[in-house]
PDB file of all heavy atoms in Angstrom:
ATOM      1  N   ALA A   1     -83.481-198.990  -0.138  1.00  0.00           N
ATOM      2  CA  ALA A   1     -82.270-198.275  -0.555  1.00  0.00           C
ATOM      3  C   ALA A   1     -82.571-196.984  -1.316  1.00  0.00           C
ATOM      4  O   ALA A   1     -81.656-196.267  -1.683  1.00  0.00           O
ATOM      5  CB  ALA A   1     -81.411-199.188  -1.425  1.00  0.00           C
ATOM      6  N   VAL A   2     -83.841-196.674  -1.556  1.00  0.00           N
ATOM      7  CA  VAL A   2     -84.192-195.467  -2.312  1.00  0.00           C
ATOM      8  C   VAL A   2     -83.943-194.240  -1.452  1.00  0.00           C
ATOM      9  O   VAL A   2     -84.422-194.145  -0.331  1.00  0.00           O
ATOM     10  CB  VAL A   2     -85.663-195.513  -2.772  1.00  0.00           C
ATOM     11  CG1 VAL A   2     -86.082-194.178  -3.359  1.00  0.00           C
ATOM     12  CG2 VAL A   2     -85.870-196.627  -3.776  1.00  0.00           C
ATOM     13  N   VAL A   3     -83.169-193.309  -1.985  1.00  0.00           N
ATOM     14  CA  VAL A   3     -82.930-192.036  -1.315  1.00  0.00           C
ATOM     15  C   VAL A   3     -83.508-190.934  -2.195  1.00  0.00           C
ATOM     16  O   VAL A   3     -83.487-191.044  -3.422  1.00  0.00           O
ATOM     17  CB  VAL A   3     -81.423-191.786  -1.043  1.00  0.00           C
ATOM     18  CG1 VAL A   3     -80.895-192.761  -0.024  1.00  0.00           C
ATOM     19  CG2 VAL A   3     -80.625-191.873  -2.317  1.00  0.00           C
ATOM     20  N   PRO A   4     -84.041-189.876  -1.593  1.00  0.00           N
ATOM     21  CA  PRO A   4     -84.669-188.819  -2.389  1.00  0.00           C
ATOM     22  C   PRO A   4     -83.760-188.196  -3.445  1.00  0.00           C
ATOM     23  O   PRO A   4     -84.230-187.742  -4.471  1.00  0.00           O
ATOM     24  CB  PRO A   4     -85.074-187.782  -1.341  1.00  0.00           C
ATOM     25  CG  PRO A   4     -85.242-188.563  -0.089  1.00  0.00           C
ATOM     26  CD  PRO A   4     -84.213-189.657  -0.164  1.00  0.00           C
ATOM     27  N   GLY A   5     -82.464-188.183  -3.238  1.00  0.00           N
ATOM     28  CA  GLY A   5     -81.550-187.598  -4.216  1.00  0.00           C
ATOM     29  C   GLY A   5     -81.488-188.351  -5.537  1.00  0.00           C
ATOM     30  O   GLY A   5     -81.017-187.831  -6.537  1.00  0.00           O
ATOM     31  N   LYS A   6     -81.956-189.596  -5.554  1.00  0.00           N
ATOM     32  CA  LYS A   6     -81.925-190.389  -6.781  1.00  0.00           C
ATOM     33  C   LYS A   6     -83.179-190.201  -7.624  1.00  0.00           C
ATOM     34  O   LYS A   6     -83.310-190.805  -8.677  1.00  0.00           O
ATOM     35  CB  LYS A   6     -81.734-191.857  -6.442  1.00  0.00           C
ATOM     36  CG  LYS A   6     -80.397-192.141  -5.803  1.00  0.00           C
ATOM     37  CD  LYS A   6     -79.877-193.457  -6.246  1.00  0.00           C
ATOM     38  CE  LYS A   6     -78.477-193.626  -5.706  1.00  0.00           C
ATOM     39  NZ  LYS A   6     -77.706-194.509  -6.502  1.00  0.00           N
ATOM     40  N   LEU A   7     -84.102-189.379  -7.132  1.00  0.00           N
ATOM     41  CA  LEU A   7     -85.303-189.040  -7.891  1.00  0.00           C
ATOM     42  C   LEU A   7     -85.298-187.542  -8.148  1.00  0.00           C
ATOM     43  O   LEU A   7     -85.103-186.750  -7.232  1.00  0.00           O
ATOM     44  CB  LEU A   7     -86.555-189.414  -7.112  1.00  0.00           C
ATOM     45  CG  LEU A   7     -86.859-190.899  -6.985  1.00  0.00           C
ATOM     46  CD1 LEU A   7     -87.929-191.126  -5.942  1.00  0.00           C
ATOM     47  CD2 LEU A   7     -87.310-191.467  -8.306  1.00  0.00           C
ATOM     48  N   THR A   8     -85.493-187.141  -9.388  1.00  0.00           N
ATOM     49  CA  THR A   8     -85.514-185.729  -9.746  1.00  0.00           C
ATOM     50  C   THR A   8     -86.771-185.454 -10.551  1.00  0.00           C
ATOM     51  O   THR A   8     -87.103-186.214 -11.460  1.00  0.00           O
ATOM     52  CB  THR A   8     -84.285-185.369 -10.605  1.00  0.00           C
ATOM     53  OG1 THR A   8     -83.107-185.860  -9.961  1.00  0.00           O
ATOM     54  CG2 THR A   8     -84.159-183.889 -10.800  1.00  0.00           C
ATOM     55  N   ALA A   9     -87.468-184.378 -10.202  1.00  0.00           N
ATOM     56  CA  ALA A   9     -88.653-183.969 -10.950  1.00  0.00           C
ATOM     57  C   ALA A   9     -88.382-182.597 -11.556  1.00  0.00           C
ATOM     58  O   ALA A   9     -88.123-181.635 -10.846  1.00  0.00           O
ATOM     59  CB  ALA A   9     -89.863-183.926 -10.032  1.00  0.00           C
ATOM     60  N   ILE A  10     -88.424-182.518 -12.884  1.00  0.00           N
ATOM     61  CA  ILE A  10     -88.050-181.296 -13.596  1.00  0.00           C
ATOM     62  C   ILE A  10     -89.250-180.790 -14.397  1.00  0.00           C
ATOM     63  O   ILE A  10     -89.912-181.560 -15.096  1.00  0.00           O
ATOM     64  CB  ILE A  10     -86.869-181.561 -14.542  1.00  0.00           C
ATOM     65  CG1 ILE A  10     -85.661-182.075 -13.749  1.00  0.00           C
ATOM     66  CG2 ILE A  10     -86.507-180.319 -15.330  1.00  0.00           C
ATOM     67  CD1 ILE A  10     -84.545-182.618 -14.601  1.00  0.00           C
ATOM     68  N   ILE A  11     -89.481-179.481 -14.296  1.00  0.00           N
ATOM     69  CA  ILE A  11     -90.521-178.826 -15.095  1.00  0.00           C
ATOM     70  C   ILE A  11     -89.830-177.798 -15.985  1.00  0.00           C
ATOM     71  O   ILE A  11     -89.185-176.878 -15.490  1.00  0.00           O
ATOM     72  CB  ILE A  11     -91.567-178.140 -14.201  1.00  0.00           C
ATOM     73  CG1 ILE A  11     -92.285-179.186 -13.361  1.00  0.00           C
ATOM     74  CG2 ILE A  11     -92.546-177.350 -15.034  1.00  0.00           C
ATOM     75  CD1 ILE A  11     -93.303-178.623 -12.418  1.00  0.00           C
ATOM     76  N   ASP A  12     -89.978-177.967 -17.287  1.00  0.00           N
ATOM     77  CA  ASP A  12     -89.371-177.055 -18.250  1.00  0.00           C
ATOM     78  C   ASP A  12     -90.408-176.010 -18.656  1.00  0.00           C
ATOM     79  O   ASP A  12     -91.459-176.340 -19.194  1.00  0.00           O
ATOM     80  CB  ASP A  12     -88.891-177.832 -19.472  1.00  0.00           C
ATOM     81  CG  ASP A  12     -88.052-176.984 -20.414  1.00  0.00           C
ATOM     82  OD1 ASP A  12     -87.837-175.787 -20.125  1.00  0.00           O
ATOM     83  OD2 ASP A  12     -87.607-177.527 -21.440  1.00  0.00           O
ATOM     84  N   LEU A  13     -90.113-174.739 -18.377  1.00  0.00           N
ATOM     85  CA  LEU A  13     -91.044-173.647 -18.653  1.00  0.00           C
ATOM     86  C   LEU A  13     -90.686-172.883 -19.933  1.00  0.00           C
ATOM     87  O   LEU A  13     -91.139-171.758 -20.134  1.00  0.00           O
ATOM     88  CB  LEU A  13     -91.078-172.694 -17.452  1.00  0.00           C
ATOM     89  CG  LEU A  13     -91.514-173.340 -16.130  1.00  0.00           C
ATOM     90  CD1 LEU A  13     -91.360-172.363 -14.986  1.00  0.00           C
ATOM     91  CD2 LEU A  13     -92.932-173.843 -16.221  1.00  0.00           C
ATOM     92  N   THR A  14     -89.914-173.482 -20.806  1.00  0.00           N
ATOM     93  CA  THR A  14     -89.499-172.838 -22.049  1.00  0.00           C
ATOM     94  C   THR A  14     -90.709-172.500 -22.913  1.00  0.00           C
ATOM     95  O   THR A  14     -91.583-173.343 -23.126  1.00  0.00           O
ATOM     96  CB  THR A  14     -88.560-173.762 -22.852  1.00  0.00           C
ATOM     97  OG1 THR A  14     -87.442-174.086 -22.043  1.00  0.00           O
ATOM     98  CG2 THR A  14     -88.088-173.106 -24.129  1.00  0.00           C
ATOM     99  N   GLY A  15     -90.746-171.264 -23.380  1.00  0.00           N
ATOM    100  CA  GLY A  15     -91.767-170.858 -24.329  1.00  0.00           C
ATOM    101  C   GLY A  15     -93.133-170.549 -23.756  1.00  0.00           C
ATOM    102  O   GLY A  15     -94.065-170.283 -24.511  1.00  0.00           O
ATOM    103  N   LEU A  16     -93.296-170.580 -22.440  1.00  0.00           N
ATOM    104  CA  LEU A  16     -94.602-170.291 -21.854  1.00  0.00           C
ATOM    105  C   LEU A  16     -94.777-168.790 -21.682  1.00  0.00           C
ATOM    106  O   LEU A  16     -93.834-168.062 -21.408  1.00  0.00           O
ATOM    107  CB  LEU A  16     -94.755-170.991 -20.501  1.00  0.00           C
ATOM    108  CG  LEU A  16     -94.740-172.517 -20.537  1.00  0.00           C
ATOM    109  CD1 LEU A  16     -94.927-173.067 -19.136  1.00  0.00           C
ATOM    110  CD2 LEU A  16     -95.793-173.061 -21.470  1.00  0.00           C
ATOM    111  N   SER A  17     -96.011-168.336 -21.827  1.00  0.00           N
ATOM    112  CA  SER A  17     -96.320-166.917 -21.665  1.00  0.00           C
ATOM    113  C   SER A  17     -97.183-166.736 -20.419  1.00  0.00           C
ATOM    114  O   SER A  17     -97.477-167.692 -19.704  1.00  0.00           O
ATOM    115  CB  SER A  17     -97.040-166.398 -22.900  1.00  0.00           C
ATOM    116  OG  SER A  17     -98.241-167.135 -23.095  1.00  0.00           O
ATOM    117  N   GLU A  18     -97.618-165.501 -20.205  1.00  0.00           N
ATOM    118  CA  GLU A  18     -98.420-165.185 -19.027  1.00  0.00           C
ATOM    119  C   GLU A  18     -99.749-165.942 -19.089  1.00  0.00           C
ATOM    120  O   GLU A  18    -100.340-166.107 -20.143  1.00  0.00           O
ATOM    121  CB  GLU A  18     -98.672-163.674 -18.979  1.00  0.00           C
ATOM    122  CG  GLU A  18     -99.334-163.212 -17.713  1.00  0.00           C
ATOM    123  CD  GLU A  18     -99.363-161.697 -17.602  1.00  0.00           C
ATOM    124  OE1 GLU A  18     -99.199-161.001 -18.611  1.00  0.00           O
ATOM    125  OE2 GLU A  18     -99.540-161.214 -16.472  1.00  0.00           O
ATOM    126  N   GLY A  19    -100.194-166.430 -17.934  1.00  0.00           N
ATOM    127  CA  GLY A  19    -101.475-167.131 -17.858  1.00  0.00           C
ATOM    128  C   GLY A  19    -101.354-168.477 -17.161  1.00  0.00           C
ATOM    129  O   GLY A  19    -100.319-168.818 -16.606  1.00  0.00           O
ATOM    130  N   ARG A  20    -102.448-169.238 -17.216  1.00  0.00           N
ATOM    131  CA  ARG A  20    -102.495-170.572 -16.589  1.00  0.00           C
ATOM    132  C   ARG A  20    -101.984-171.631 -17.564  1.00  0.00           C
ATOM    133  O   ARG A  20    -102.263-171.562 -18.757  1.00  0.00           O
ATOM    134  CB  ARG A  20    -103.915-170.910 -16.168  1.00  0.00           C
ATOM    135  CG  ARG A  20    -104.441-170.026 -15.073  1.00  0.00           C
ATOM    136  CD  ARG A  20    -105.713-170.614 -14.469  1.00  0.00           C
ATOM    137  NE  ARG A  20    -106.180-169.791 -13.385  1.00  0.00           N
ATOM    138  CZ  ARG A  20    -105.717-169.830 -12.149  1.00  0.00           C
ATOM    139  NH1 ARG A  20    -104.763-170.666 -11.844  1.00  0.00           N
ATOM    140  NH2 ARG A  20    -106.207-169.043 -11.220  1.00  0.00           N
ATOM    141  N   HIS A  21    -101.281-172.607 -16.997  1.00  0.00           N
ATOM    142  CA  HIS A  21    -100.711-173.670 -17.825  1.00  0.00           C
ATOM    143  C   HIS A  21    -100.789-175.000 -17.076  1.00  0.00           C
ATOM    144  O   HIS A  21    -100.699-175.044 -15.854  1.00  0.00           O
ATOM    145  CB  HIS A  21     -99.239-173.389 -18.155  1.00  0.00           C
ATOM    146  CG  HIS A  21     -99.034-172.096 -18.873  1.00  0.00           C
ATOM    147  ND1 HIS A  21     -99.224-171.962 -20.220  1.00  0.00           N
ATOM    148  CD2 HIS A  21     -98.662-170.868 -18.428  1.00  0.00           C
ATOM    149  CE1 HIS A  21     -98.970-170.722 -20.577  1.00  0.00           C
ATOM    150  NE2 HIS A  21     -98.628-170.028 -19.495  1.00  0.00           N
ATOM    151  N   ARG A  22    -100.945-176.074 -17.858  1.00  0.00           N
ATOM    152  CA  ARG A  22    -100.822-177.439 -17.337  1.00  0.00           C
ATOM    153  C   ARG A  22     -99.546-177.991 -17.946  1.00  0.00           C
ATOM    154  O   ARG A  22     -99.475-178.248 -19.148  1.00  0.00           O
ATOM    155  CB  ARG A  22    -102.024-178.287 -17.739  1.00  0.00           C
ATOM    156  CG  ARG A  22    -102.018-179.652 -17.118  1.00  0.00           C
ATOM    157  CD  ARG A  22    -103.344-180.350 -17.369  1.00  0.00           C
ATOM    158  NE  ARG A  22    -103.428-181.555 -16.573  1.00  0.00           N
ATOM    159  CZ  ARG A  22    -103.358-182.778 -17.084  1.00  0.00           C
ATOM    160  NH1 ARG A  22    -103.226-182.946 -18.385  1.00  0.00           N
ATOM    161  NH2 ARG A  22    -103.443-183.822 -16.290  1.00  0.00           N
ATOM    162  N   VAL A  23     -98.520-178.143 -17.109  1.00  0.00           N
ATOM    163  CA  VAL A  23     -97.170-178.441 -17.592  1.00  0.00           C
ATOM    164  C   VAL A  23     -96.778-179.868 -17.208  1.00  0.00           C
ATOM    165  O   VAL A  23     -96.992-180.291 -16.069  1.00  0.00           O
ATOM    166  CB  VAL A  23     -96.162-177.436 -16.973  1.00  0.00           C
ATOM    167  CG1 VAL A  23     -94.786-177.610 -17.575  1.00  0.00           C
ATOM    168  CG2 VAL A  23     -96.636-176.008 -17.170  1.00  0.00           C
ATOM    169  N   PRO A  24     -96.172-180.617 -18.140  1.00  0.00           N
ATOM    170  CA  PRO A  24     -95.712-181.963 -17.802  1.00  0.00           C
ATOM    171  C   PRO A  24     -94.473-181.932 -16.911  1.00  0.00           C
ATOM    172  O   PRO A  24     -93.649-181.026 -17.000  1.00  0.00           O
ATOM    173  CB  PRO A  24     -95.394-182.597 -19.162  1.00  0.00           C
ATOM    174  CG  PRO A  24     -95.123-181.439 -20.055  1.00  0.00           C
ATOM    175  CD  PRO A  24     -95.947-180.293 -19.548  1.00  0.00           C
ATOM    176  N   VAL A  25     -94.369-182.935 -16.057  1.00  0.00           N
ATOM    177  CA  VAL A  25     -93.220-183.084 -15.161  1.00  0.00           C
ATOM    178  C   VAL A  25     -92.420-184.290 -15.636  1.00  0.00           C
ATOM    179  O   VAL A  25     -92.977-185.367 -15.832  1.00  0.00           O
ATOM    180  CB  VAL A  25     -93.674-183.306 -13.700  1.00  0.00           C
ATOM    181  CG1 VAL A  25     -92.473-183.493 -12.789  1.00  0.00           C
ATOM    182  CG2 VAL A  25     -94.549-182.168 -13.235  1.00  0.00           C
ATOM    183  N   LYS A  26     -91.135-184.097 -15.815  1.00  0.00           N
ATOM    184  CA  LYS A  26     -90.258-185.215 -16.192  1.00  0.00           C
ATOM    185  C   LYS A  26     -89.600-185.740 -14.917  1.00  0.00           C
ATOM    186  O   LYS A  26     -88.870-185.015 -14.245  1.00  0.00           O
ATOM    187  CB  LYS A  26     -89.203-184.756 -17.187  1.00  0.00           C
ATOM    188  CG  LYS A  26     -88.280-185.872 -17.622  1.00  0.00           C
ATOM    189  CD  LYS A  26     -87.218-185.389 -18.573  1.00  0.00           C
ATOM    190  CE  LYS A  26     -86.304-186.535 -18.938  1.00  0.00           C
ATOM    191  NZ  LYS A  26     -85.165-186.078 -19.722  1.00  0.00           N
ATOM    192  N   VAL A  27     -89.876-186.985 -14.594  1.00  0.00           N
ATOM    193  CA  VAL A  27     -89.283-187.605 -13.405  1.00  0.00           C
ATOM    194  C   VAL A  27     -88.126-188.482 -13.849  1.00  0.00           C
ATOM    195  O   VAL A  27     -88.304-189.396 -14.651  1.00  0.00           O
ATOM    196  CB  VAL A  27     -90.326-188.433 -12.628  1.00  0.00           C
ATOM    197  CG1 VAL A  27     -89.673-189.123 -11.435  1.00  0.00           C
ATOM    198  CG2 VAL A  27     -91.466-187.552 -12.166  1.00  0.00           C
ATOM    199  N   VAL A  28     -86.934-188.157 -13.347  1.00  0.00           N
ATOM    200  CA  VAL A  28     -85.743-188.941 -13.649  1.00  0.00           C
ATOM    201  C   VAL A  28     -85.532-189.899 -12.478  1.00  0.00           C
ATOM    202  O   VAL A  28     -85.313-189.478 -11.348  1.00  0.00           O
ATOM    203  CB  VAL A  28     -84.508-188.032 -13.848  1.00  0.00           C
ATOM    204  CG1 VAL A  28     -83.278-188.861 -14.145  1.00  0.00           C
ATOM    205  CG2 VAL A  28     -84.773-187.022 -14.949  1.00  0.00           C
ATOM    206  N   ASN A  29     -85.630-191.183 -12.771  1.00  0.00           N
ATOM    207  CA  ASN A  29     -85.555-192.227 -11.741  1.00  0.00           C
ATOM    208  C   ASN A  29     -84.222-192.948 -11.878  1.00  0.00           C
ATOM    209  O   ASN A  29     -83.990-193.668 -12.837  1.00  0.00           O
ATOM    210  CB  ASN A  29     -86.722-193.204 -11.932  1.00  0.00           C
ATOM    211  CG  ASN A  29     -86.723-194.306 -10.903  1.00  0.00           C
ATOM    212  OD1 ASN A  29     -85.975-194.280  -9.934  1.00  0.00           O
ATOM    213  ND2 ASN A  29     -87.569-195.286 -11.112  1.00  0.00           N
ATOM    214  N   GLN A  30     -83.338-192.746 -10.886  1.00  0.00           N
ATOM    215  CA  GLN A  30     -82.034-193.418 -10.883  1.00  0.00           C
ATOM    216  C   GLN A  30     -81.984-194.489  -9.799  1.00  0.00           C
ATOM    217  O   GLN A  30     -80.943-194.780  -9.249  1.00  0.00           O
ATOM    218  CB  GLN A  30     -80.920-192.392 -10.676  1.00  0.00           C
ATOM    219  CG  GLN A  30     -80.841-191.373 -11.780  1.00  0.00           C
ATOM    220  CD  GLN A  30     -79.829-190.280 -11.488  1.00  0.00           C
ATOM    221  OE1 GLN A  30     -79.454-190.047 -10.346  1.00  0.00           O
ATOM    222  NE2 GLN A  30     -79.392-189.606 -12.525  1.00  0.00           N
TER     223      GLN A  30
END
């Protein structure tokens, strides 16, 4: 019954500057 719309992966880029970054991904599982 899992449909792709019930999973969301969000990356928040607040406060990042120019350059390389390792950013966490928040997965919302409904």
